[in-house]
Amino acid sequence: MNFQQLRIIRETVRQNFNLTEASAALYTSQSGVSKHIKDLEDELGVQLFVRKGKRLLGLTEPGQSLLSIVERMLVDAENIKRLADDFNKVDEGTLTIATTHTQARYVLPPIVNQFKKLFPKVHLILQQASPVEIAEMLLQGEADIGIATESLTTEENLASIPYYQWQHSIITPQDHPLTQLDKIDLDALSEYPLITYHGGFTGRSKIDKAFEDAQIDADIVMSALDADVIKTYVELGMGVGIVNDVAYDAERDYRLKQIKTDIFGVNTTWIAVRKGHLLRGYGYEFISLCSPDADIKALKKIAYPDE
């Protein structure tokens, strides 16, 4: 048994038992993948995969039991390397941050700038994705740190801490009638076509719930994945925008008016890591730059209790 065989087992499952995809992901041949699987099954004396001819259809019962052990062994092997690098004070490597467009565009630039000054030899990768995809990337070991408002706190295999709280703002053209009101409520908003985030992004569920609880029909004519798109169509006069309040920049968005409101409640953006995934020291430093008051020791205890 060797680590390459274990990686092949894990990648075959991740690629939905498609050996062509698994071999491509591991930069090896399909015949080599098949041989490694057969050799491991022969060594263990059990069949790990359900087969139909040469096709793999799924895991057998022993294969299902083995998979969790394989995942744990490979994570621990990666942790050994990270631990050794930290003890050797090697401040170089790769740090992958999975986050949404809102965080990458409006929140993280000063953090990234600070981080690169502290760790110039670390290759920082920002992967933009949906909250659900971010959680999956963490669970699959494809990202070291995830930052999003949704999805991160509902996964039991992720350890998360609050990053910052925010509210939605209403965005209109400068001369819009809503800008003349002393206070905006849901009834006033419902009189206009609305443009906001797609479901599952940037607090959209709270927007929907606010209208639903008030039994008011919202005329949401367009949904987008990021605030830049929303603001573009608001500027064209196609509707009133509802965005994360950090997404408005008075200088850049001078054609638009921001109206602050609390009618959609408070949202929390979270920072998460995979439990059992040992971050390099510079990874924890990135989290500290994001949230200077973050309890890093508590996060480590949750994420890696045996550290």
Protein backbone atom coordinates (compact mmCIF):
# COMPACT_ATOMS: atom_id res chain seq x y z
CA MET A 1 0.00 0.00 0.00
CA ASN A 2 1.30 3.47 -0.87
CA PHE A 3 0.10 7.06 -0.92
CA GLN A 4 -0.35 7.09 -4.70
CA GLN A 5 -2.86 4.25 -4.40
CA LEU A 6 -4.70 6.18 -1.70
CA ARG A 7 -4.75 9.34 -3.82
CA ILE A 8 -6.17 7.33 -6.71
CA ILE A 9 -8.97 5.94 -4.53
CA ARG A 10 -9.87 9.43 -3.33
CA GLU A 11 -9.70 11.04 -6.77
CA THR A 12 -11.72 8.25 -8.40
CA VAL A 13 -14.56 8.92 -5.97
CA ARG A 14 -14.26 12.69 -6.47
CA GLN A 15 -14.51 12.23 -10.23
CA ASN A 16 -17.70 10.17 -9.89
CA PHE A 17 -15.84 6.91 -10.68
CA ASN A 18 -14.74 8.17 -14.08
CA LEU A 19 -11.23 6.74 -14.51
CA THR A 20 -10.47 9.03 -17.44
CA GLU A 21 -11.17 12.10 -15.32
CA ALA A 22 -9.34 10.65 -12.32
CA SER A 23 -6.22 9.90 -14.35
CA ALA A 24 -6.26 13.39 -15.87
CA ALA A 25 -6.56 15.00 -12.44
CA LEU A 26 -3.58 12.99 -11.18
CA TYR A 27 -1.51 13.46 -14.36
CA THR A 28 -1.16 9.74 -14.93
CA SER A 29 -2.49 7.15 -17.37
CA GLN A 30 -5.87 5.47 -17.10
CA SER A 31 -4.20 2.06 -17.28
CA GLY A 32 -1.94 3.09 -14.40
CA VAL A 33 -4.95 4.10 -12.31
CA SER A 34 -6.69 0.79 -13.02
CA LYS A 35 -3.55 -1.15 -12.08
CA HIS A 36 -3.10 0.71 -8.79
CA ILE A 37 -6.71 0.02 -7.85
CA LYS A 38 -6.39 -3.67 -8.72
CA ASP A 39 -3.08 -3.98 -6.83
CA LEU A 40 -4.59 -2.43 -3.71
CA GLU A 41 -7.67 -4.67 -3.87
CA ASP A 42 -5.43 -7.72 -4.26
CA GLU A 43 -3.29 -6.64 -1.30
CA LEU A 44 -6.31 -6.04 0.94
CA GLY A 45 -8.20 -9.08 -0.28
CA VAL A 46 -11.46 -7.16 -0.78
CA GLN A 47 -13.17 -5.50 -3.72
CA LEU A 48 -13.42 -1.75 -3.16
CA PHE A 49 -15.51 -0.78 -6.19
CA VAL A 50 -18.78 -2.00 -7.67
CA ARG A 51 -18.11 -2.84 -11.32
CA LYS A 52 -20.05 -3.40 -14.52
CA GLY A 53 -17.54 -4.73 -16.99
CA LYS A 54 -14.64 -2.30 -16.93
CA ARG A 55 -16.75 0.56 -15.58
CA LEU A 56 -16.80 1.55 -11.92
CA LEU A 57 -20.29 2.27 -10.61
CA GLY A 58 -19.63 3.02 -6.95
CA LEU A 59 -18.03 1.85 -3.73
CA THR A 60 -18.65 -1.50 -2.11
CA GLU A 61 -19.33 -1.58 1.64
CA PRO A 62 -15.61 -2.17 2.41
CA GLY A 63 -14.76 0.62 -0.03
CA GLN A 64 -17.07 3.04 1.77
CA SER A 65 -15.45 2.20 5.10
CA LEU A 66 -11.99 2.59 3.60
CA LEU A 67 -12.69 5.98 2.02
CA SER A 68 -12.95 7.89 5.30
CA ILE A 69 -9.65 6.37 6.45
CA VAL A 70 -8.01 7.25 3.13
CA GLU A 71 -9.20 10.85 3.41
CA ARG A 72 -7.87 11.11 6.96
CA MET A 73 -4.50 9.56 6.08
CA LEU A 74 -3.95 11.91 3.15
CA VAL A 75 -4.92 14.98 5.18
CA ASP A 76 -2.56 13.89 7.96
CA ALA A 77 0.25 13.38 5.44
CA GLU A 78 -0.28 16.92 4.16
CA ASN A 79 -0.36 18.21 7.74
CA ILE A 80 3.00 16.58 8.49
CA LYS A 81 4.57 18.55 5.62
CA ARG A 82 2.96 21.80 6.77
CA LEU A 83 4.07 21.23 10.35
CA ALA A 84 7.65 20.55 9.27
CA ASP A 85 7.69 23.68 7.12
CA ASP A 86 6.43 25.78 10.02
CA PHE A 87 9.09 24.43 12.37
CA ASN A 88 11.67 25.17 9.70
CA LYS A 89 10.25 28.70 9.40
CA VAL A 90 9.67 28.33 5.68
CA ASP A 91 7.48 31.33 4.83
CA GLU A 92 6.85 30.30 1.28
CA GLY A 93 4.30 28.10 -0.39
CA THR A 94 0.72 28.50 -1.59
CA LEU A 95 -2.36 29.78 0.21
CA THR A 96 -5.71 29.32 -1.52
CA ILE A 97 -8.62 31.51 -0.42
CA ALA A 98 -12.08 30.58 -1.70
CA THR A 99 -14.49 33.48 -1.49
CA THR A 100 -17.35 35.29 -3.20
CA HIS A 101 -17.05 38.19 -5.62
CA THR A 102 -18.23 40.64 -2.95
CA GLN A 103 -15.43 39.71 -0.55
CA ALA A 104 -12.76 39.50 -3.25
CA ARG A 105 -13.77 42.80 -4.85
CA TYR A 106 -14.71 45.01 -1.90
CA VAL A 107 -13.35 43.57 1.36
CA LEU A 108 -10.12 41.67 0.78
CA PRO A 109 -7.92 44.00 -1.34
CA PRO A 110 -6.31 45.81 1.65
CA ILE A 111 -5.90 42.47 3.46
CA VAL A 112 -4.21 40.88 0.46
CA ASN A 113 -1.95 43.92 0.10
CA GLN A 114 -0.84 43.65 3.74
CA PHE A 115 -0.36 39.91 3.49
CA LYS A 116 1.84 40.13 0.39
CA LYS A 117 4.08 42.66 2.13
CA LEU A 118 4.50 40.29 5.08
CA PHE A 119 4.87 37.11 3.01
CA PRO A 120 6.21 38.04 -0.44
CA LYS A 121 7.23 34.46 -1.21
CA VAL A 122 3.77 33.00 -0.59
CA HIS A 123 1.73 32.43 -3.76
CA LEU A 124 -1.77 33.65 -2.91
CA ILE A 125 -4.67 32.27 -4.95
CA LEU A 126 -8.13 33.87 -4.78
CA GLN A 127 -10.79 31.49 -6.06
CA GLN A 128 -14.17 33.15 -6.64
CA ALA A 129 -17.11 30.80 -6.18
CA SER A 130 -20.62 30.53 -4.77
CA PRO A 131 -20.99 29.92 -1.01
CA VAL A 132 -21.96 26.27 -1.62
CA GLU A 133 -18.94 25.79 -3.88
CA ILE A 134 -16.68 27.44 -1.30
CA ALA A 135 -17.78 24.97 1.37
CA GLU A 136 -17.20 22.08 -1.03
CA MET A 137 -13.74 23.36 -1.97
CA LEU A 138 -12.77 23.41 1.70
CA LEU A 139 -14.13 19.92 2.28
CA GLN A 140 -12.30 18.58 -0.78
CA GLY A 141 -9.01 20.18 0.25
CA GLU A 142 -9.03 22.49 -2.78
CA ALA A 143 -8.90 25.63 -0.62
CA ASP A 144 -7.24 26.46 2.69
CA ILE A 145 -9.58 29.23 3.86
CA GLY A 146 -13.16 30.04 2.89
CA ILE A 147 -14.88 33.40 3.30
CA ALA A 148 -18.63 33.80 2.69
CA THR A 149 -21.90 34.76 4.32
CA GLU A 150 -23.82 31.56 3.57
CA SER A 151 -23.15 27.80 3.78
CA LEU A 152 -19.99 27.75 5.91
CA THR A 153 -21.64 27.39 9.33
CA THR A 154 -23.94 24.54 8.32
CA GLU A 155 -21.17 22.05 7.47
CA GLU A 156 -20.16 19.99 10.51
CA ASN A 157 -16.70 19.31 9.07
CA LEU A 158 -15.88 23.02 8.84
CA ALA A 159 -14.69 25.22 11.70
CA SER A 160 -15.80 28.83 11.35
CA ILE A 161 -15.45 32.16 13.13
CA PRO A 162 -17.32 35.42 12.46
CA TYR A 163 -15.49 37.91 10.24
CA TYR A 164 -17.71 41.01 10.13
CA GLN A 165 -21.38 42.02 10.18
CA TRP A 166 -23.11 44.01 7.50
CA GLN A 167 -26.50 45.14 6.21
CA HIS A 168 -28.02 45.62 2.80
CA SER A 169 -28.23 49.04 1.18
CA ILE A 170 -30.64 50.30 -1.43
CA ILE A 171 -29.06 51.68 -4.60
CA THR A 172 -30.89 54.04 -6.96
CA PRO A 173 -30.13 56.63 -9.64
CA GLN A 174 -29.41 60.03 -8.06
CA ASP A 175 -32.80 61.51 -8.96
CA HIS A 176 -34.97 58.52 -8.02
CA PRO A 177 -38.19 59.22 -6.04
CA LEU A 178 -37.02 56.93 -3.20
CA THR A 179 -34.21 59.38 -2.44
CA GLN A 180 -36.83 61.94 -1.37
CA LEU A 181 -38.31 59.76 1.37
CA ASP A 182 -37.30 60.24 5.00
CA LYS A 183 -37.49 56.50 5.63
CA ILE A 184 -37.86 53.60 3.23
CA ASP A 185 -39.97 50.58 4.09
CA LEU A 186 -40.87 47.39 2.26
CA ASP A 187 -44.12 48.89 0.94
CA ALA A 188 -42.21 51.71 -0.73
CA LEU A 189 -39.72 49.28 -2.26
CA SER A 190 -42.46 47.02 -3.58
CA GLU A 191 -43.65 49.82 -5.87
CA TYR A 192 -40.52 49.50 -8.00
CA PRO A 193 -38.82 46.70 -9.94
CA LEU A 194 -35.94 45.32 -7.87
CA ILE A 195 -32.51 44.02 -8.83
CA THR A 196 -30.57 42.01 -6.27
CA TYR A 197 -28.47 38.93 -5.67
CA HIS A 198 -29.17 35.45 -6.95
CA GLY A 199 -30.53 32.93 -4.45
CA GLY A 200 -27.83 31.64 -2.09
CA PHE A 201 -25.66 34.75 -2.47
CA THR A 202 -24.97 37.70 -0.16
CA GLY A 203 -27.95 37.53 2.15
CA ARG A 204 -30.61 37.00 -0.53
CA SER A 205 -32.52 34.69 1.83
CA LYS A 206 -32.98 37.57 4.30
CA ILE A 207 -34.35 39.81 1.58
CA ASP A 208 -36.88 37.16 0.56
CA LYS A 209 -37.82 36.47 4.18
CA ALA A 210 -38.40 40.15 4.95
CA PHE A 211 -40.93 40.49 2.14
CA GLU A 212 -42.49 37.12 2.94
CA ASP A 213 -42.90 37.93 6.65
CA ALA A 214 -44.52 41.25 5.75
CA GLN A 215 -46.75 39.48 3.21
CA ILE A 216 -45.62 41.90 0.52
CA ASP A 217 -44.90 40.83 -3.05
CA ALA A 218 -41.50 41.97 -4.27
CA ASP A 219 -41.09 42.59 -8.00
CA ILE A 220 -37.59 41.17 -8.42
CA VAL A 221 -36.99 41.57 -12.14
CA MET A 222 -33.34 40.56 -12.21
CA SER A 223 -30.95 38.51 -10.08
CA ALA A 224 -27.17 38.68 -10.37
CA LEU A 225 -24.16 37.03 -8.77
CA ASP A 226 -22.34 40.24 -7.88
CA ALA A 227 -22.96 43.87 -6.99
CA ASP A 228 -21.12 45.29 -10.00
CA VAL A 229 -23.72 43.78 -12.32
CA ILE A 230 -26.57 44.97 -10.10
CA LYS A 231 -25.23 48.55 -10.06
CA THR A 232 -24.75 48.54 -13.83
CA TYR A 233 -28.42 47.80 -14.47
CA VAL A 234 -29.60 50.20 -11.78
CA GLU A 235 -27.61 52.91 -13.55
CA LEU A 236 -29.42 51.98 -16.77
CA GLY A 237 -32.72 52.65 -15.01
CA MET A 238 -33.94 49.06 -15.02
CA GLY A 239 -34.74 48.93 -11.32
CA VAL A 240 -33.79 49.63 -7.72
CA GLY A 241 -30.81 47.69 -6.42
CA ILE A 242 -30.35 45.90 -3.10
CA VAL A 243 -26.69 45.17 -2.36
CA ASN A 244 -24.21 44.56 0.44
CA ASP A 245 -23.49 47.98 1.93
CA VAL A 246 -19.73 47.54 1.39
CA ALA A 247 -20.33 47.34 -2.36
CA TYR A 248 -21.08 51.05 -2.71
CA ASP A 249 -18.15 53.40 -3.36
CA ALA A 250 -19.15 57.07 -3.37
CA GLU A 251 -16.38 58.06 -5.79
CA ARG A 252 -16.76 55.24 -8.28
CA ASP A 253 -20.54 55.05 -8.04
CA TYR A 254 -21.15 58.81 -8.20
CA ARG A 255 -24.06 58.33 -10.60
CA LEU A 256 -25.87 56.28 -7.98
CA LYS A 257 -27.31 57.04 -4.56
CA GLN A 258 -26.87 54.73 -1.56
CA ILE A 259 -29.73 54.59 0.91
CA LYS A 260 -28.81 52.80 4.12
CA THR A 261 -31.52 50.69 5.74
CA ASP A 262 -32.03 48.09 8.44
CA ILE A 263 -35.19 46.53 7.04
CA PHE A 264 -33.41 43.34 5.98
CA GLY A 265 -31.61 42.71 9.26
CA VAL A 266 -27.97 42.01 10.01
CA ASN A 267 -25.83 39.49 8.13
CA THR A 268 -22.57 37.88 9.23
CA THR A 269 -19.71 36.95 6.94
CA TRP A 270 -17.69 33.97 8.18
CA ILE A 271 -14.15 32.67 7.84
CA ALA A 272 -13.88 28.88 7.75
CA VAL A 273 -11.31 26.10 7.52
CA ARG A 274 -11.71 22.37 7.20
CA LYS A 275 -11.52 20.43 10.45
CA GLY A 276 -8.35 18.37 10.52
CA HIS A 277 -6.65 20.56 7.90
CA LEU A 278 -3.57 22.10 9.51
CA LEU A 279 -2.94 25.58 8.17
CA ARG A 280 0.55 26.91 7.73
CA GLY A 281 1.48 29.77 10.04
CA TYR A 282 0.94 32.32 7.28
CA GLY A 283 -2.60 31.00 6.84
CA TYR A 284 -3.46 31.89 10.43
CA GLU A 285 -1.74 35.24 9.88
CA PHE A 286 -4.08 35.90 6.95
CA ILE A 287 -7.06 35.24 9.22
CA SER A 288 -5.60 37.59 11.85
CA LEU A 289 -5.23 40.32 9.23
CA CYS A 290 -8.89 39.86 8.27
CA SER A 291 -10.07 39.92 11.87
CA PRO A 292 -7.51 41.21 14.40
CA ASP A 293 -9.83 40.27 17.26
CA ALA A 294 -10.31 36.70 16.02
CA ASP A 295 -9.62 33.99 18.58
CA ILE A 296 -7.08 32.02 16.56
CA LYS A 297 -6.39 29.62 19.44
CA ALA A 298 -10.08 28.74 19.65
CA LEU A 299 -10.23 28.21 15.89
CA LYS A 300 -7.20 25.92 16.03
CA LYS A 301 -8.76 23.95 18.87
CA ILE A 302 -11.96 23.39 16.89
CA ALA A 303 -10.28 22.74 13.55
CA TYR A 304 -7.41 20.62 14.78
CA PRO A 305 -7.91 19.47 18.39
CA ASP A 306 -4.81 17.25 18.31
CA GLU A 307 -2.46 20.04 17.27
